[in-house]
Amino acid sequence: MKATRRSALEHQLLVTETDFRARLLAILPRAAESGEVLFLAGRFLPSNYRESWISPDANELLAAADDCLVQREALGLPVEGTIGALFLAACDEASDAGNHDRRGPRKLAASLLSQLNGSGTHRKKIA
């Protein structure tokens, strides 16, 4: 891949992840308080759930997380611990009906918010 093309893709990834982080930081506090269902959407939506039961933001957040990972993979960058991977891990936990100790929507939202505000794991270097 040419350096200019790679640089453009890296910039796009930075914009995508920054926008996704800002969106999550705006939505997660509300979800942590209300219990709004953000993590059950798309492929994570259980068959016994209705689309009307989930947050209107859920599908868009899932698409944004997937987009972050696709862009990282296209650049050959790690995805573990990134903002997209953290969101998908929360979705995976929320949809795991076999795990009777899984956290509910409030705790998942609070945990993800804490991760975004705390350790900085969402800010994996692009280069």
N, C-alpha and C. Protein backbone atom coordinates (compact mmCIF):
# COMPACT_ATOMS: atom_id res chain seq x y z
N MET A 1 0.84 -1.17 0.00
CA MET A 1 0.00 0.00 0.00
C MET A 1 0.89 1.24 0.00
N LYS A 2 0.55 2.18 -0.85
CA LYS A 2 1.33 3.41 -0.93
C LYS A 2 1.18 4.21 0.37
N ALA A 3 2.23 4.95 0.68
CA ALA A 3 2.27 5.71 1.92
C ALA A 3 1.14 6.73 2.00
N THR A 4 0.84 7.39 0.88
CA THR A 4 -0.23 8.39 0.90
C THR A 4 -1.60 7.74 1.12
N ARG A 5 -1.80 6.58 0.51
CA ARG A 5 -3.06 5.86 0.69
C ARG A 5 -3.19 5.38 2.13
N ARG A 6 -2.11 4.84 2.67
CA ARG A 6 -2.13 4.37 4.06
C ARG A 6 -2.40 5.53 5.02
N SER A 7 -1.76 6.66 4.76
CA SER A 7 -1.96 7.83 5.60
C SER A 7 -3.42 8.27 5.58
N ALA A 8 -4.03 8.24 4.41
CA ALA A 8 -5.45 8.63 4.29
C ALA A 8 -6.34 7.65 5.04
N LEU A 9 -6.03 6.36 4.94
CA LEU A 9 -6.82 5.35 5.65
C LEU A 9 -6.64 5.47 7.16
N GLU A 10 -5.43 5.77 7.60
CA GLU A 10 -5.17 5.97 9.03
C GLU A 10 -5.93 7.18 9.55
N HIS A 11 -5.97 8.24 8.74
CA HIS A 11 -6.71 9.43 9.14
C HIS A 11 -8.20 9.11 9.24
N GLN A 12 -8.73 8.37 8.27
CA GLN A 12 -10.14 8.00 8.30
C GLN A 12 -10.45 7.15 9.54
N LEU A 13 -9.56 6.23 9.88
CA LEU A 13 -9.75 5.42 11.08
C LEU A 13 -9.77 6.30 12.32
N LEU A 14 -8.87 7.24 12.40
CA LEU A 14 -8.83 8.16 13.55
C LEU A 14 -10.15 8.93 13.67
N VAL A 15 -10.66 9.42 12.56
CA VAL A 15 -11.92 10.16 12.56
C VAL A 15 -13.07 9.24 12.98
N THR A 16 -13.11 8.03 12.43
CA THR A 16 -14.17 7.07 12.74
C THR A 16 -14.16 6.71 14.22
N GLU A 17 -13.00 6.39 14.77
CA GLU A 17 -12.91 6.02 16.18
C GLU A 17 -13.19 7.20 17.10
N THR A 18 -12.76 8.38 16.72
CA THR A 18 -13.03 9.57 17.52
C THR A 18 -14.52 9.88 17.56
N ASP A 19 -15.17 9.80 16.41
CA ASP A 19 -16.62 10.03 16.35
C ASP A 19 -17.38 8.98 17.15
N PHE A 20 -16.96 7.73 17.05
CA PHE A 20 -17.62 6.65 17.78
C PHE A 20 -17.46 6.85 19.28
N ARG A 21 -16.27 7.22 19.71
CA ARG A 21 -16.02 7.47 21.13
C ARG A 21 -16.89 8.61 21.63
N ALA A 22 -16.98 9.70 20.88
CA ALA A 22 -17.80 10.84 21.29
C ALA A 22 -19.26 10.43 21.40
N ARG A 23 -19.71 9.64 20.46
CA ARG A 23 -21.11 9.17 20.50
C ARG A 23 -21.36 8.30 21.73
N LEU A 24 -20.44 7.40 22.01
CA LEU A 24 -20.59 6.55 23.18
C LEU A 24 -20.57 7.37 24.48
N LEU A 25 -19.66 8.32 24.55
CA LEU A 25 -19.57 9.15 25.76
C LEU A 25 -20.84 9.98 25.98
N ALA A 26 -21.55 10.27 24.91
CA ALA A 26 -22.81 11.00 25.03
C ALA A 26 -23.97 10.08 25.44
N ILE A 27 -23.94 8.83 25.00
CA ILE A 27 -25.05 7.91 25.20
C ILE A 27 -24.90 7.04 26.45
N LEU A 28 -23.69 6.60 26.75
CA LEU A 28 -23.49 5.64 27.84
C LEU A 28 -23.96 6.13 29.22
N PRO A 29 -23.75 7.39 29.59
CA PRO A 29 -24.25 7.81 30.91
C PRO A 29 -25.77 7.64 31.04
N ARG A 30 -26.48 7.98 29.99
CA ARG A 30 -27.93 7.81 29.97
C ARG A 30 -28.32 6.35 30.11
N ALA A 31 -27.61 5.49 29.36
CA ALA A 31 -27.90 4.06 29.40
C ALA A 31 -27.55 3.45 30.76
N ALA A 32 -26.49 3.93 31.37
CA ALA A 32 -26.10 3.41 32.68
C ALA A 32 -27.15 3.76 33.74
N GLU A 33 -27.82 4.86 33.54
CA GLU A 33 -28.86 5.27 34.49
C GLU A 33 -30.21 4.63 34.18
N SER A 34 -30.57 4.59 32.91
CA SER A 34 -31.92 4.15 32.54
C SER A 34 -32.04 2.65 32.28
N GLY A 35 -30.91 2.00 31.96
CA GLY A 35 -30.97 0.59 31.59
C GLY A 35 -31.33 0.39 30.13
N GLU A 36 -31.24 1.45 29.37
CA GLU A 36 -31.52 1.41 27.94
C GLU A 36 -30.72 0.28 27.28
N VAL A 37 -31.35 -0.47 26.41
CA VAL A 37 -30.71 -1.64 25.80
C VAL A 37 -29.91 -1.20 24.58
N LEU A 38 -28.60 -1.05 24.77
CA LEU A 38 -27.71 -0.63 23.69
C LEU A 38 -26.95 -1.79 23.07
N PHE A 39 -26.83 -2.88 23.79
CA PHE A 39 -25.89 -3.93 23.40
C PHE A 39 -26.56 -5.15 22.75
N LEU A 40 -27.85 -5.09 22.53
CA LEU A 40 -28.55 -6.17 21.85
C LEU A 40 -29.12 -5.63 20.54
N ALA A 41 -28.34 -5.75 19.49
CA ALA A 41 -28.75 -5.26 18.18
C ALA A 41 -28.18 -6.17 17.11
N GLY A 42 -28.75 -6.08 15.94
CA GLY A 42 -28.22 -6.84 14.81
C GLY A 42 -28.03 -8.30 15.14
N ARG A 43 -26.83 -8.80 14.91
CA ARG A 43 -26.53 -10.22 15.13
C ARG A 43 -26.55 -10.60 16.61
N PHE A 44 -26.58 -9.62 17.50
CA PHE A 44 -26.62 -9.88 18.94
C PHE A 44 -28.05 -9.87 19.51
N LEU A 45 -29.03 -9.57 18.68
CA LEU A 45 -30.41 -9.49 19.13
C LEU A 45 -30.97 -10.91 19.27
N PRO A 46 -31.31 -11.32 20.49
CA PRO A 46 -31.88 -12.65 20.68
C PRO A 46 -33.20 -12.80 19.92
N SER A 47 -33.50 -14.01 19.52
CA SER A 47 -34.70 -14.25 18.72
C SER A 47 -35.98 -13.93 19.48
N ASN A 48 -35.93 -13.94 20.81
CA ASN A 48 -37.13 -13.65 21.59
C ASN A 48 -37.27 -12.16 21.93
N TYR A 49 -36.42 -11.32 21.36
CA TYR A 49 -36.49 -9.88 21.56
C TYR A 49 -37.12 -9.22 20.34
N ARG A 50 -37.83 -8.16 20.60
CA ARG A 50 -38.38 -7.36 19.51
C ARG A 50 -37.48 -6.16 19.29
N GLU A 51 -37.37 -5.78 18.07
CA GLU A 51 -36.55 -4.61 17.70
C GLU A 51 -37.01 -3.36 18.47
N SER A 52 -38.28 -3.27 18.76
CA SER A 52 -38.81 -2.09 19.46
C SER A 52 -38.37 -2.02 20.92
N TRP A 53 -37.82 -3.09 21.46
CA TRP A 53 -37.38 -3.11 22.85
C TRP A 53 -35.98 -2.53 23.04
N ILE A 54 -35.26 -2.37 21.95
CA ILE A 54 -33.88 -1.89 22.07
C ILE A 54 -33.81 -0.39 21.79
N SER A 55 -32.70 0.18 22.17
CA SER A 55 -32.48 1.60 21.95
C SER A 55 -32.46 1.92 20.45
N PRO A 56 -32.99 3.07 20.07
CA PRO A 56 -32.90 3.48 18.67
C PRO A 56 -31.45 3.65 18.21
N ASP A 57 -30.53 3.83 19.16
CA ASP A 57 -29.11 4.02 18.84
C ASP A 57 -28.36 2.70 18.66
N ALA A 58 -28.94 1.59 19.10
CA ALA A 58 -28.21 0.33 19.18
C ALA A 58 -27.65 -0.14 17.84
N ASN A 59 -28.45 -0.15 16.80
CA ASN A 59 -27.98 -0.63 15.50
C ASN A 59 -26.89 0.27 14.92
N GLU A 60 -27.04 1.57 15.11
CA GLU A 60 -26.02 2.51 14.61
C GLU A 60 -24.70 2.33 15.35
N LEU A 61 -24.77 2.10 16.66
CA LEU A 61 -23.55 1.88 17.44
C LEU A 61 -22.86 0.59 17.02
N LEU A 62 -23.65 -0.45 16.80
CA LEU A 62 -23.08 -1.72 16.34
C LEU A 62 -22.40 -1.54 14.98
N ALA A 63 -23.05 -0.84 14.07
CA ALA A 63 -22.45 -0.59 12.75
C ALA A 63 -21.16 0.21 12.87
N ALA A 64 -21.14 1.19 13.77
CA ALA A 64 -19.94 2.00 13.97
C ALA A 64 -18.80 1.16 14.54
N ALA A 65 -19.11 0.28 15.48
CA ALA A 65 -18.08 -0.60 16.05
C ALA A 65 -17.52 -1.52 14.98
N ASP A 66 -18.41 -2.10 14.18
CA ASP A 66 -17.96 -2.97 13.09
C ASP A 66 -17.08 -2.20 12.11
N ASP A 67 -17.46 -0.97 11.80
CA ASP A 67 -16.69 -0.14 10.87
C ASP A 67 -15.29 0.13 11.41
N CYS A 68 -15.19 0.40 12.70
CA CYS A 68 -13.87 0.62 13.31
C CYS A 68 -12.98 -0.60 13.12
N LEU A 69 -13.55 -1.78 13.37
CA LEU A 69 -12.75 -3.01 13.26
C LEU A 69 -12.37 -3.32 11.82
N VAL A 70 -13.29 -3.11 10.90
CA VAL A 70 -13.00 -3.35 9.47
C VAL A 70 -11.86 -2.45 9.01
N GLN A 71 -11.90 -1.19 9.41
CA GLN A 71 -10.84 -0.26 9.01
C GLN A 71 -9.50 -0.67 9.61
N ARG A 72 -9.50 -1.08 10.87
CA ARG A 72 -8.25 -1.53 11.51
C ARG A 72 -7.69 -2.75 10.80
N GLU A 73 -8.55 -3.70 10.53
CA GLU A 73 -8.11 -4.93 9.86
C GLU A 73 -7.56 -4.64 8.47
N ALA A 74 -8.18 -3.70 7.76
CA ALA A 74 -7.70 -3.33 6.42
C ALA A 74 -6.29 -2.75 6.48
N LEU A 75 -5.96 -2.12 7.59
CA LEU A 75 -4.63 -1.54 7.77
C LEU A 75 -3.65 -2.52 8.43
N GLY A 76 -4.15 -3.69 8.79
CA GLY A 76 -3.31 -4.67 9.46
C GLY A 76 -2.99 -4.29 10.90
N LEU A 77 -3.86 -3.51 11.52
CA LEU A 77 -3.65 -3.06 12.90
C LEU A 77 -4.38 -3.97 13.88
N PRO A 78 -3.90 -4.04 15.11
CA PRO A 78 -4.58 -4.88 16.10
C PRO A 78 -5.95 -4.30 16.44
N VAL A 79 -6.87 -5.19 16.80
CA VAL A 79 -8.21 -4.75 17.19
C VAL A 79 -8.46 -4.97 18.68
N GLU A 80 -7.72 -5.85 19.29
CA GLU A 80 -7.92 -6.16 20.70
C GLU A 80 -7.77 -4.91 21.57
N GLY A 81 -8.74 -4.68 22.42
CA GLY A 81 -8.69 -3.55 23.33
C GLY A 81 -9.08 -2.22 22.73
N THR A 82 -9.46 -2.20 21.46
CA THR A 82 -9.86 -0.95 20.83
C THR A 82 -11.32 -0.65 21.13
N ILE A 83 -11.73 0.55 20.84
CA ILE A 83 -13.09 0.96 21.15
C ILE A 83 -14.14 0.07 20.48
N GLY A 84 -13.90 -0.32 19.25
CA GLY A 84 -14.84 -1.20 18.57
C GLY A 84 -14.90 -2.57 19.22
N ALA A 85 -13.75 -3.10 19.59
CA ALA A 85 -13.70 -4.41 20.24
C ALA A 85 -14.34 -4.37 21.62
N LEU A 86 -14.15 -3.29 22.35
CA LEU A 86 -14.77 -3.16 23.68
C LEU A 86 -16.29 -3.14 23.57
N PHE A 87 -16.80 -2.41 22.59
CA PHE A 87 -18.26 -2.36 22.40
C PHE A 87 -18.79 -3.73 22.01
N LEU A 88 -18.12 -4.41 21.08
CA LEU A 88 -18.58 -5.74 20.65
C LEU A 88 -18.49 -6.75 21.78
N ALA A 89 -17.50 -6.62 22.67
CA ALA A 89 -17.41 -7.51 23.82
C ALA A 89 -18.62 -7.31 24.74
N ALA A 90 -19.04 -6.06 24.90
CA ALA A 90 -20.24 -5.79 25.71
C ALA A 90 -21.48 -6.39 25.04
N CYS A 91 -21.56 -6.29 23.73
CA CYS A 91 -22.68 -6.90 22.99
C CYS A 91 -22.67 -8.41 23.16
N ASP A 92 -21.50 -8.99 23.06
CA ASP A 92 -21.37 -10.45 23.20
C ASP A 92 -21.82 -10.89 24.59
N GLU A 93 -21.39 -10.17 25.62
CA GLU A 93 -21.79 -10.51 26.98
C GLU A 93 -23.31 -10.35 27.16
N ALA A 94 -23.86 -9.27 26.65
CA ALA A 94 -25.30 -9.02 26.80
C ALA A 94 -26.13 -10.10 26.13
N SER A 95 -25.65 -10.65 25.04
CA SER A 95 -26.43 -11.63 24.29
C SER A 95 -26.17 -13.08 24.71
N ASP A 96 -25.27 -13.29 25.66
CA ASP A 96 -24.91 -14.64 26.10
C ASP A 96 -25.93 -15.16 27.11
N ALA A 97 -27.02 -15.72 26.60
CA ALA A 97 -28.10 -16.21 27.47
C ALA A 97 -27.64 -17.36 28.36
N GLY A 98 -26.58 -18.04 27.99
CA GLY A 98 -26.06 -19.14 28.79
C GLY A 98 -25.28 -18.69 30.01
N ASN A 99 -24.89 -17.43 30.04
CA ASN A 99 -24.13 -16.89 31.16
C ASN A 99 -25.10 -16.22 32.13
N HIS A 100 -25.45 -16.92 33.18
CA HIS A 100 -26.42 -16.39 34.14
C HIS A 100 -25.81 -15.32 35.05
N ASP A 101 -24.49 -15.14 34.97
CA ASP A 101 -23.81 -14.11 35.75
C ASP A 101 -23.48 -12.87 34.92
N ARG A 102 -24.00 -12.82 33.69
CA ARG A 102 -23.68 -11.67 32.83
C ARG A 102 -24.27 -10.40 33.43
N ARG A 103 -23.61 -9.30 33.11
CA ARG A 103 -24.08 -8.00 33.60
C ARG A 103 -25.26 -7.53 32.76
N GLY A 104 -26.12 -6.76 33.38
CA GLY A 104 -27.26 -6.18 32.69
C GLY A 104 -26.86 -4.92 31.95
N PRO A 105 -27.82 -4.29 31.29
CA PRO A 105 -27.50 -3.12 30.46
C PRO A 105 -26.91 -1.95 31.25
N ARG A 106 -27.37 -1.73 32.48
CA ARG A 106 -26.81 -0.63 33.27
C ARG A 106 -25.34 -0.87 33.59
N LYS A 107 -25.04 -2.06 34.07
CA LYS A 107 -23.66 -2.37 34.45
C LYS A 107 -22.74 -2.43 33.23
N LEU A 108 -23.24 -2.95 32.12
CA LEU A 108 -22.42 -2.97 30.90
C LEU A 108 -22.12 -1.55 30.42
N ALA A 109 -23.13 -0.70 30.44
CA ALA A 109 -22.92 0.69 30.02
C ALA A 109 -21.94 1.40 30.96
N ALA A 110 -22.11 1.20 32.25
CA ALA A 110 -21.20 1.83 33.23
C ALA A 110 -19.78 1.32 33.07
N SER A 111 -19.64 0.03 32.83
CA SER A 111 -18.31 -0.55 32.65
C SER A 111 -17.62 -0.02 31.41
N LEU A 112 -18.35 0.04 30.30
CA LEU A 112 -17.76 0.56 29.07
C LEU A 112 -17.41 2.03 29.23
N LEU A 113 -18.28 2.78 29.88
CA LEU A 113 -18.00 4.19 30.13
C LEU A 113 -16.73 4.35 30.97
N SER A 114 -16.59 3.52 31.97
CA SER A 114 -15.40 3.54 32.82
C SER A 114 -14.14 3.22 32.01
N GLN A 115 -14.25 2.24 31.14
CA GLN A 115 -13.10 1.89 30.31
C GLN A 115 -12.72 3.04 29.39
N LEU A 116 -13.70 3.72 28.83
CA LEU A 116 -13.42 4.83 27.92
C LEU A 116 -12.83 6.03 28.66
N ASN A 117 -13.27 6.24 29.89
CA ASN A 117 -12.79 7.38 30.67
C ASN A 117 -11.51 7.08 31.44
N GLY A 118 -11.20 5.78 31.60
CA GLY A 118 -10.12 5.41 32.48
C GLY A 118 -8.82 5.03 31.82
N SER A 119 -8.68 3.77 31.56
CA SER A 119 -7.39 3.19 31.21
C SER A 119 -6.81 3.65 29.90
N GLY A 120 -7.63 4.15 28.99
CA GLY A 120 -7.10 4.56 27.69
C GLY A 120 -6.94 3.42 26.73
N THR A 121 -7.49 2.23 27.03
CA THR A 121 -7.34 1.09 26.13
C THR A 121 -8.00 1.32 24.80
N HIS A 122 -8.94 2.27 24.74
CA HIS A 122 -9.63 2.57 23.49
C HIS A 122 -8.77 3.35 22.53
N ARG A 123 -7.66 3.84 23.01
CA ARG A 123 -6.81 4.70 22.18
C ARG A 123 -5.58 3.96 21.70
N LYS A 124 -5.79 2.85 21.07
CA LYS A 124 -4.67 2.10 20.50
C LYS A 124 -4.04 2.94 19.39
N LYS A 125 -2.75 2.95 19.37
CA LYS A 125 -2.03 3.69 18.35
C LYS A 125 -2.36 3.15 16.97
N ILE A 126 -2.46 4.05 16.02
CA ILE A 126 -2.75 3.65 14.65
C ILE A 126 -1.50 3.13 13.99
N ALA A 127 -0.41 3.82 14.17
CA ALA A 127 0.82 3.39 13.49
C ALA A 127 1.66 2.50 14.37
